[in-house]
């Protein structure tokens, strides 16, 4: 056992928005956007959230618009 290595098989993450065929991310949907914002209020990066680059850009813009319209908070209390 002393020289053996264990390799874990990583599965490629599938973009949630591509899988559900969502073309437009609405900034008024605070519940959906809340999944991509942790306790501290930062936007999750692509490598953690598993979203493709196209939808990550739309998601970032939607979160910023929702913050500006006071739908979601800028920072957590």
Protein backbone atom coordinates (compact mmCIF):
# COMPACT_ATOMS: atom_id res chain seq x y z
CA UNK A 1 0.00 0.00 0.00
CA UNK A 2 2.93 2.33 0.59
CA UNK A 3 3.61 3.22 -3.06
CA UNK A 4 0.13 3.33 -4.52
CA UNK A 5 -1.66 6.49 -5.53
CA UNK A 6 -5.36 6.96 -5.67
CA UNK A 7 -6.78 8.84 -8.60
CA UNK A 8 -10.24 10.29 -8.40
CA UNK A 9 -12.25 10.69 -11.55
CA UNK A 10 -13.50 14.24 -11.99
CA UNK A 11 -16.70 14.78 -13.90
CA UNK A 12 -17.02 17.88 -16.01
CA UNK A 13 -19.58 20.25 -14.58
CA UNK A 14 -22.48 21.12 -16.79
CA UNK A 15 -23.69 24.71 -16.84
CA UNK A 16 -27.03 24.94 -15.04
CA UNK A 17 -28.37 27.52 -17.49
CA UNK A 18 -27.27 25.58 -20.58
CA UNK A 19 -28.82 22.38 -19.23
CA UNK A 20 -32.17 24.11 -18.62
CA UNK A 21 -31.86 26.06 -21.92
CA UNK A 22 -32.17 29.46 -20.21
CA UNK A 23 -31.17 32.20 -22.64
CA UNK A 24 -31.75 35.27 -20.45
CA UNK A 25 -30.94 35.55 -16.74
CA UNK A 26 -33.51 37.90 -15.23
CA UNK A 27 -32.19 40.29 -12.58
CA UNK A 28 -35.60 40.37 -10.88
CA UNK A 29 -35.31 36.70 -9.88
CA UNK A 30 -33.56 37.17 -6.53
CA UNK A 31 -34.02 33.55 -5.49
CA UNK A 32 -32.09 32.27 -8.52
CA UNK A 33 -29.32 34.85 -8.12
CA UNK A 34 -29.03 34.04 -4.41
CA UNK A 35 -27.58 30.62 -5.24
CA UNK A 36 -24.53 32.30 -6.77
CA UNK A 37 -23.85 34.66 -3.86
CA UNK A 38 -22.36 33.24 -0.62
CA UNK A 39 -22.75 34.68 2.89
CA UNK A 40 -20.25 37.47 2.35
CA UNK A 41 -22.09 38.76 -0.69
CA UNK A 42 -19.43 38.15 -3.35
CA UNK A 43 -20.18 36.67 -6.77
CA UNK A 44 -19.02 33.06 -7.05
CA UNK A 45 -16.37 32.45 -9.75
CA UNK A 46 -16.95 30.11 -12.68
CA UNK A 47 -14.70 27.35 -11.41
CA UNK A 48 -16.78 27.04 -8.24
CA UNK A 49 -20.28 27.70 -9.58
CA UNK A 50 -19.83 25.55 -12.71
CA UNK A 51 -21.43 28.08 -15.05
CA UNK A 52 -20.14 28.59 -18.60
CA UNK A 53 -18.42 31.84 -19.55
CA UNK A 54 -21.37 33.25 -21.50
CA UNK A 55 -23.80 32.71 -18.66
CA UNK A 56 -21.26 33.85 -16.06
CA UNK A 57 -21.12 37.25 -17.76
CA UNK A 58 -24.92 37.46 -17.87
CA UNK A 59 -25.11 36.30 -14.25
CA UNK A 60 -22.63 38.95 -13.09
CA UNK A 61 -24.55 41.68 -14.90
CA UNK A 62 -27.87 40.45 -13.45
CA UNK A 63 -26.46 40.38 -9.90
CA UNK A 64 -25.10 43.92 -10.27
CA UNK A 65 -28.45 45.16 -11.59
CA UNK A 66 -30.33 43.40 -8.80
CA UNK A 67 -28.05 45.00 -6.22
CA UNK A 68 -28.61 48.41 -7.74
CA UNK A 69 -32.38 47.91 -7.65
CA UNK A 70 -32.17 46.67 -4.01
CA UNK A 71 -33.49 43.20 -4.84
CA UNK A 72 -30.44 41.56 -3.25
CA UNK A 73 -28.05 43.18 -0.72
CA UNK A 74 -24.54 44.36 -1.54
CA UNK A 75 -23.10 42.77 1.62
CA UNK A 76 -24.51 40.49 4.29
CA UNK A 77 -25.14 41.83 7.78
